[in-house]
Protein backbone atom coordinates (compact mmCIF):
# COMPACT_ATOMS: atom_id res chain seq x y z
CA UNK A 1 -0.34 -0.03 0.05
CA UNK A 2 1.09 3.72 -1.10
CA UNK A 3 1.48 6.01 1.37
CA UNK A 4 0.64 9.45 0.49
CA UNK A 5 1.24 12.50 2.96
CA UNK A 6 0.14 15.74 2.53
CA UNK A 7 3.34 18.09 1.85
CA UNK A 8 1.90 21.35 3.07
CA UNK A 9 3.17 21.24 7.18
CA UNK A 10 2.93 17.91 7.92
CA UNK A 11 4.95 16.60 10.62
CA UNK A 12 4.73 12.40 11.08
CA UNK A 13 6.81 9.79 12.94
CA UNK A 14 7.85 7.56 9.88
CA UNK A 15 7.73 4.53 12.21
CA UNK A 16 4.44 5.09 12.58
CA UNK A 17 3.05 6.51 9.47
CA UNK A 18 4.77 4.92 6.95
CA UNK A 19 3.60 1.24 6.07
CA UNK A 20 6.21 0.25 3.22
CA UNK A 21 6.74 3.34 1.06
CA UNK A 22 6.69 6.98 1.99
CA UNK A 23 6.52 9.05 -0.81
CA UNK A 24 5.25 13.02 -1.34
CA UNK A 25 2.15 13.15 -3.59
CA UNK A 26 3.35 16.77 -5.38
CA UNK A 27 6.04 15.26 -6.77
CA UNK A 28 7.01 16.84 -10.05
CA UNK A 29 8.21 14.45 -12.99
CA UNK A 30 11.92 15.37 -14.42
CA UNK A 31 11.99 13.87 -17.56
CA UNK A 32 15.99 14.06 -17.49
CA UNK A 33 16.30 11.86 -14.33
CA UNK A 34 16.57 8.44 -14.29
CA UNK A 35 15.98 5.47 -11.78
CA UNK A 36 17.98 4.98 -9.09
CA UNK A 37 17.34 2.62 -6.18
CA UNK A 38 20.17 3.54 -2.82
CA UNK A 39 20.74 3.24 0.89
CA UNK A 40 20.99 5.45 3.05
CA UNK A 41 22.26 4.23 6.67
CA UNK A 42 23.69 5.88 9.04
CA UNK A 43 25.19 5.51 12.78
CA UNK A 44 26.64 2.20 12.78
CA UNK A 45 28.55 2.89 15.92
CA UNK A 46 30.92 0.18 15.09
CA UNK A 47 32.60 -1.55 18.14
CA UNK A 48 33.84 -5.28 19.10
CA UNK A 49 32.60 -5.21 22.55
CA UNK A 50 28.61 -5.38 21.90
CA UNK A 51 29.52 -7.22 18.52
CA UNK A 52 28.71 -4.18 16.75
CA UNK A 53 30.81 -5.55 14.10
CA UNK A 54 28.47 -8.63 13.67
CA UNK A 55 25.94 -6.72 13.80
CA UNK A 56 26.73 -4.15 11.03
CA UNK A 57 28.14 -7.04 9.23
CA UNK A 58 24.02 -8.66 8.89
CA UNK A 59 22.91 -5.11 8.13
CA UNK A 60 25.27 -5.45 5.07
CA UNK A 61 24.88 -8.73 4.19
CA UNK A 62 20.31 -7.55 3.70
CA UNK A 63 21.46 -4.03 2.12
CA UNK A 64 23.53 -6.11 -0.50
CA UNK A 65 20.48 -8.31 -1.05
CA UNK A 66 18.47 -5.26 -1.84
CA UNK A 67 20.71 -4.94 -4.55
CA UNK A 68 21.05 -1.00 -4.51
CA UNK A 69 23.33 0.89 -6.86
CA UNK A 70 25.59 2.80 -4.08
CA UNK A 71 25.48 3.34 0.00
CA UNK A 72 25.53 6.94 2.00
CA UNK A 73 26.55 6.54 5.70
CA UNK A 74 25.24 9.17 7.01
CA UNK A 75 28.01 9.60 9.69
CA UNK A 76 29.18 7.88 12.94
CA UNK A 77 30.74 5.28 11.45
CA UNK A 78 32.67 3.98 14.99
CA UNK A 79 32.28 4.04 18.56
CA UNK A 80 34.05 6.49 19.46
CA UNK A 81 36.75 8.08 17.76
CA UNK A 82 36.05 11.67 19.71
CA UNK A 83 37.61 10.35 22.57
CA UNK A 84 39.11 6.80 22.26
CA UNK A 85 42.96 6.82 22.32
CA UNK A 86 44.93 6.52 19.11
CA UNK A 87 44.94 2.87 18.83
CA UNK A 88 42.13 1.87 19.49
CA UNK A 89 40.63 4.76 16.87
CA UNK A 90 42.59 3.06 14.33
CA UNK A 91 42.00 -0.25 14.99
CA UNK A 92 38.16 0.54 14.97
CA UNK A 93 38.65 2.13 11.72
CA UNK A 94 40.16 -0.77 10.18
CA UNK A 95 37.47 -2.87 11.49
CA UNK A 96 34.70 -0.94 10.07
CA UNK A 97 36.24 -1.02 6.70
CA UNK A 98 36.86 -4.29 6.79
CA UNK A 99 33.27 -4.90 8.06
CA UNK A 100 32.32 -2.51 5.05
CA UNK A 101 34.01 -3.77 2.29
CA UNK A 102 31.78 -7.04 2.08
CA UNK A 103 29.10 -4.59 0.54
CA UNK A 104 31.43 -4.87 -2.45
CA UNK A 105 29.38 -1.43 -4.04
CA UNK A 106 30.59 2.64 -4.28
CA UNK A 107 29.82 4.18 -0.86
CA UNK A 108 29.70 7.81 0.04
CA UNK A 109 30.69 8.72 3.76
CA UNK A 110 28.54 11.69 5.92
CA UNK A 111 31.04 12.95 8.55
CA UNK A 112 29.20 12.58 12.07
CA UNK A 113 30.19 13.77 15.43
CA UNK A 114 31.94 10.80 16.53
CA UNK A 115 33.92 10.34 13.22
CA UNK A 116 36.22 13.34 14.46
CA UNK A 117 39.30 11.46 15.40
CA UNK A 118 40.93 12.63 18.80
CA UNK A 119 38.56 15.45 19.49
CA UNK A 120 38.18 15.61 22.84
CA UNK A 121 41.13 15.90 25.31
CA UNK A 122 40.52 12.46 26.81
CA UNK A 123 41.56 10.88 23.77
CA UNK A 124 45.12 11.96 24.44
CA UNK A 125 45.60 12.67 21.06
CA UNK A 126 48.02 15.85 20.44
CA UNK A 127 46.14 18.66 17.62
CA UNK A 128 49.26 18.21 15.96
CA UNK A 129 48.82 14.27 14.87
CA UNK A 130 48.55 14.13 11.59
CA UNK A 131 45.33 12.34 11.65
CA UNK A 132 43.63 14.88 14.33
CA UNK A 133 39.79 15.94 13.24
CA UNK A 134 38.68 15.73 10.28
CA UNK A 135 41.78 14.32 8.64
CA UNK A 136 41.25 11.02 9.56
CA UNK A 137 38.01 10.56 8.05
CA UNK A 138 39.00 12.20 4.60
CA UNK A 139 42.40 10.23 4.73
CA UNK A 140 40.17 6.70 5.43
CA UNK A 141 37.68 7.79 3.02
CA UNK A 142 39.19 9.68 0.60
CA UNK A 143 36.28 11.99 0.65
CA UNK A 144 35.83 15.71 1.61
CA UNK A 145 33.71 16.29 4.75
CA UNK A 146 31.42 18.26 1.93
CA UNK A 147 30.71 17.98 -1.74
CA UNK A 148 28.56 16.87 -4.64
CA UNK A 149 28.25 14.64 -7.52
CA UNK A 150 26.13 14.20 -10.35
CA UNK A 151 24.53 10.76 -10.98
CA UNK A 152 21.41 9.76 -13.15
CA UNK A 153 19.97 13.50 -13.56
CA UNK A 154 20.47 13.95 -9.91
CA UNK A 155 22.28 16.17 -7.93
CA UNK A 156 23.58 14.47 -5.06
CA UNK A 157 24.88 16.57 -1.95
CA UNK A 158 26.96 15.87 1.40
CA UNK A 159 26.87 18.50 4.22
CA UNK A 160 29.36 18.62 7.44
CA UNK A 161 27.56 19.54 9.99
CA UNK A 162 30.17 18.86 12.63
CA UNK A 163 32.47 21.59 14.03
CA UNK A 164 35.30 21.33 16.89
CA UNK A 165 35.26 24.08 18.97
CA UNK A 166 38.00 25.60 20.92
CA UNK A 167 37.64 23.73 23.62
CA UNK A 168 37.66 20.34 21.78
CA UNK A 169 34.25 20.08 22.10
CA UNK A 170 31.63 19.85 18.80
CA UNK A 171 29.28 21.95 17.78
CA UNK A 172 26.38 20.92 15.44
CA UNK A 173 26.76 23.69 12.65
CA UNK A 174 27.60 24.20 8.90
CA UNK A 175 30.41 26.66 8.90
CA UNK A 176 30.87 29.93 6.45
CA UNK A 177 33.22 28.51 4.22
CA UNK A 178 30.82 25.79 3.92
CA UNK A 179 27.66 28.04 2.96
CA UNK A 180 29.59 29.79 0.77
CA UNK A 181 30.43 26.86 -1.16
CA UNK A 182 26.55 25.12 -1.21
CA UNK A 183 25.26 28.99 -2.72
CA UNK A 184 27.63 28.42 -5.35
CA UNK A 185 27.01 24.89 -5.81
CA UNK A 186 23.44 25.49 -6.05
CA UNK A 187 23.63 28.33 -8.36
CA UNK A 188 25.60 26.01 -10.65
CA UNK A 189 22.71 22.85 -10.54
CA UNK A 190 20.47 23.10 -13.75
CA UNK A 191 16.90 24.77 -12.97
CA UNK A 192 14.93 21.85 -12.73
CA UNK A 193 17.14 19.18 -11.94
CA UNK A 194 16.56 17.37 -8.70
CA UNK A 195 18.72 17.40 -5.79
CA UNK A 196 19.11 15.10 -2.66
CA UNK A 197 21.06 16.59 0.34
CA UNK A 198 22.38 13.94 3.24
CA UNK A 199 23.81 15.29 6.64
CA UNK A 200 24.27 14.16 9.98
CA UNK A 201 22.98 16.12 12.41
CA UNK A 202 19.42 16.98 11.27
CA UNK A 203 18.66 20.45 9.69
CA UNK A 204 14.78 20.01 10.63
CA UNK A 205 13.45 17.81 13.23
CA UNK A 206 10.94 17.38 15.68
CA UNK A 207 12.90 15.00 18.56
CA UNK A 208 13.44 17.63 20.91
CA UNK A 209 9.84 17.61 21.16
CA UNK A 210 9.69 14.05 22.40
CA UNK A 211 13.24 13.03 23.58
CA UNK A 212 13.74 12.16 27.16
CA UNK A 213 16.36 14.24 29.40
CA UNK A 214 19.75 13.01 28.66
CA UNK A 215 20.71 11.06 32.30
CA UNK A 216 24.51 12.11 32.26
CA UNK A 217 24.46 15.72 31.19
CA UNK A 218 27.43 16.48 29.26
CA UNK A 219 28.70 20.42 29.73
CA UNK A 220 29.62 20.86 26.32
CA UNK A 221 25.61 20.57 25.42
CA UNK A 222 24.95 23.59 27.77
CA UNK A 223 26.96 25.47 25.54
CA UNK A 224 26.81 24.45 22.20
CA UNK A 225 23.87 22.97 19.92
CA UNK A 226 24.33 19.10 19.27
CA UNK A 227 21.23 17.47 18.93
CA UNK A 228 20.05 19.07 15.61
CA UNK A 229 22.03 21.96 13.50
CA UNK A 230 21.94 25.09 15.21
CA UNK A 231 22.29 27.57 12.53
CA UNK A 232 19.87 25.70 10.30
CA UNK A 233 17.80 29.08 9.91
CA UNK A 234 21.43 30.14 7.62
CA UNK A 235 20.92 27.24 5.06
CA UNK A 236 17.30 26.36 4.50
CA UNK A 237 16.98 29.58 2.47
CA UNK A 238 19.23 28.64 0.05
CA UNK A 239 17.18 25.91 -1.00
CA UNK A 240 14.75 27.92 -2.33
CA UNK A 241 14.00 27.79 -5.66
CA UNK A 242 15.82 24.74 -6.26
CA UNK A 243 14.36 21.14 -6.72
CA UNK A 244 15.67 19.30 -3.38
CA UNK A 245 13.37 16.55 -2.96
CA UNK A 246 14.96 14.75 0.09
CA UNK A 247 17.32 15.88 2.65
CA UNK A 248 17.91 12.57 4.63
CA UNK A 249 19.55 12.41 7.66
CA UNK A 250 20.75 10.66 11.00
CA UNK A 251 22.14 11.44 14.29
CA UNK A 252 18.95 10.81 16.69
CA UNK A 253 18.69 7.16 15.79
CA UNK A 254 15.32 8.03 15.94
CA UNK A 255 13.07 6.97 12.45
CA UNK A 256 10.75 10.43 11.30
CA UNK A 257 9.54 12.38 8.68
CA UNK A 258 9.77 16.38 8.93
CA UNK A 259 7.83 18.34 6.22
CA UNK A 260 8.66 22.16 5.41
CA UNK A 261 8.73 24.22 2.81
CA UNK A 262 7.65 21.11 0.41
CA UNK A 263 10.74 19.14 1.18
CA UNK A 264 10.64 15.56 3.46
CA UNK A 265 13.48 16.03 6.17
CA UNK A 266 13.68 11.93 6.74
CA UNK A 267 15.78 11.17 9.56
CA UNK A 268 16.65 7.88 9.44
CA UNK A 269 16.77 4.99 12.39
CA UNK A 270 20.23 3.71 12.98
CA UNK A 271 22.17 0.50 12.19
CA UNK A 272 23.26 -0.13 16.25
CA UNK A 273 19.73 0.97 17.16
CA UNK A 274 20.08 2.24 20.90
CA UNK A 275 24.05 1.80 20.68
CA UNK A 276 23.85 -1.91 19.93
CA UNK A 277 21.64 -1.97 23.08
CA UNK A 278 17.88 -2.73 21.49
CA UNK A 279 15.54 -0.17 19.71
CA UNK A 280 15.70 3.42 20.31
CA UNK A 281 12.35 5.21 21.25
CA UNK A 282 10.51 2.32 19.28
CA UNK A 283 12.95 2.45 16.33
CA UNK A 284 14.05 -0.77 15.88
CA UNK A 285 17.77 -1.15 14.31
CA UNK A 286 17.71 -0.48 10.38
CA UNK A 287 18.23 1.31 7.42
CA UNK A 288 16.23 3.32 5.10
CA UNK A 289 16.01 2.30 0.95
CA UNK A 290 15.36 5.67 -1.12
CA UNK A 291 13.98 4.68 -4.70
CA UNK A 292 14.20 8.05 -7.44
CA UNK A 293 12.04 7.83 -10.19
CA UNK A 294 12.06 10.82 -13.07
CA UNK A 295 12.68 12.98 -10.32
CA UNK A 296 10.15 11.34 -7.68
CA UNK A 297 11.34 10.37 -4.37
CA UNK A 298 10.05 7.43 -2.27
CA UNK A 299 11.50 5.55 1.06
CA UNK A 300 11.24 2.90 3.60
CA UNK A 301 12.46 1.70 6.74
CA UNK A 302 13.86 -1.51 6.69
CA UNK A 303 15.04 -3.54 9.95
CA UNK A 304 17.38 -6.87 9.66
CA UNK A 305 16.76 -9.11 12.59
CA UNK A 306 19.41 -8.42 15.16
CA UNK A 307 18.87 -9.51 18.36
CA UNK A 308 21.08 -7.31 20.57
CA UNK A 309 23.39 -9.23 23.56
CA UNK A 310 22.83 -6.60 25.87
CA UNK A 311 19.22 -4.69 25.73
CA UNK A 312 18.46 -1.46 27.48
CA UNK A 313 15.04 -1.11 28.22
CA UNK A 314 12.87 1.05 25.77
CA UNK A 315 9.92 2.96 26.89
CA UNK A 316 7.96 2.99 23.72
CA UNK A 317 7.35 -0.05 21.76
CA UNK A 318 8.58 -0.56 18.46
CA UNK A 319 6.50 0.13 15.39
CA UNK A 320 7.85 -2.51 12.74
CA UNK A 321 7.61 -0.92 8.64
CA UNK A 322 6.92 -4.39 6.82
CA UNK A 323 8.57 -3.78 3.20
CA UNK A 324 5.10 -3.72 1.26
CA UNK A 325 5.84 -2.64 -2.06
CA UNK A 326 4.23 0.78 -2.99
CA UNK A 327 3.40 2.49 -6.43
CA UNK A 328 4.60 6.38 -7.66
CA UNK A 329 1.86 9.07 -7.30
CA UNK A 330 -0.60 9.88 -10.71
CA UNK A 331 1.25 12.94 -11.87
């Protein structure tokens, strides 16, 4: 059954609303854009202690069986490069890459807050380390932290929502050089070309309205925006006049869809669920299947049957989304 949603100010939890495919009802056909199927997966938080490598491998096996053309990894590859000592961080990165290699397809990586190597002083990593900060990400994944590319008539953009603060914490923020770059990048896109954006810390989410308080608040959370991107108000106006058909986000580990200005902001649940300890506020471990066709978009959330070796009580019951085929809306 197809899931149709009012695009005018409608907000919904994807896990509750989408039985199979979800899609905008006013999608416009872009004749120059082809058919694309890909996976947006995020927040693997790979670590061996809770068998996160085994769970990730299980998720990747299901992803591969779906036969996407490529994947976008939405950030937070390992747990936790920001505060772990150098040796452990390098071990985690190597283990992640070895596990991800089983996908055997192109993968585009997004920087997450836990991907910033040695960011916290607890790590013992010096700022003079050649891989300090974002350099480890750029070297290991051979990618800039923000970039764009074209594929089958679509323009894809990856944003970097994680900035290191002077006191070696982080701020969820799109910095000035990146905003200037984004203006230029969007200006160069031909009118009508469908655009898909990926970012780690959400630009728009309702999660602050229903998330539980932090059990042990970190002092940095009182000083900087860390849950949602703090200057989305500077980014969103840049989307006006462009054919943005979807923004994919991670970080919260929740499966959620919010519509703003006719754009679906799709936050995906995490591969690791609640950091490999069960479901996260009713969202089970999983990933998002995305399908594009002639400029139209639809998506669904998929679980992969993981059983945690250690569970933490979830205050909300899990809502599953069965993979029920949908049809494109009439246009």
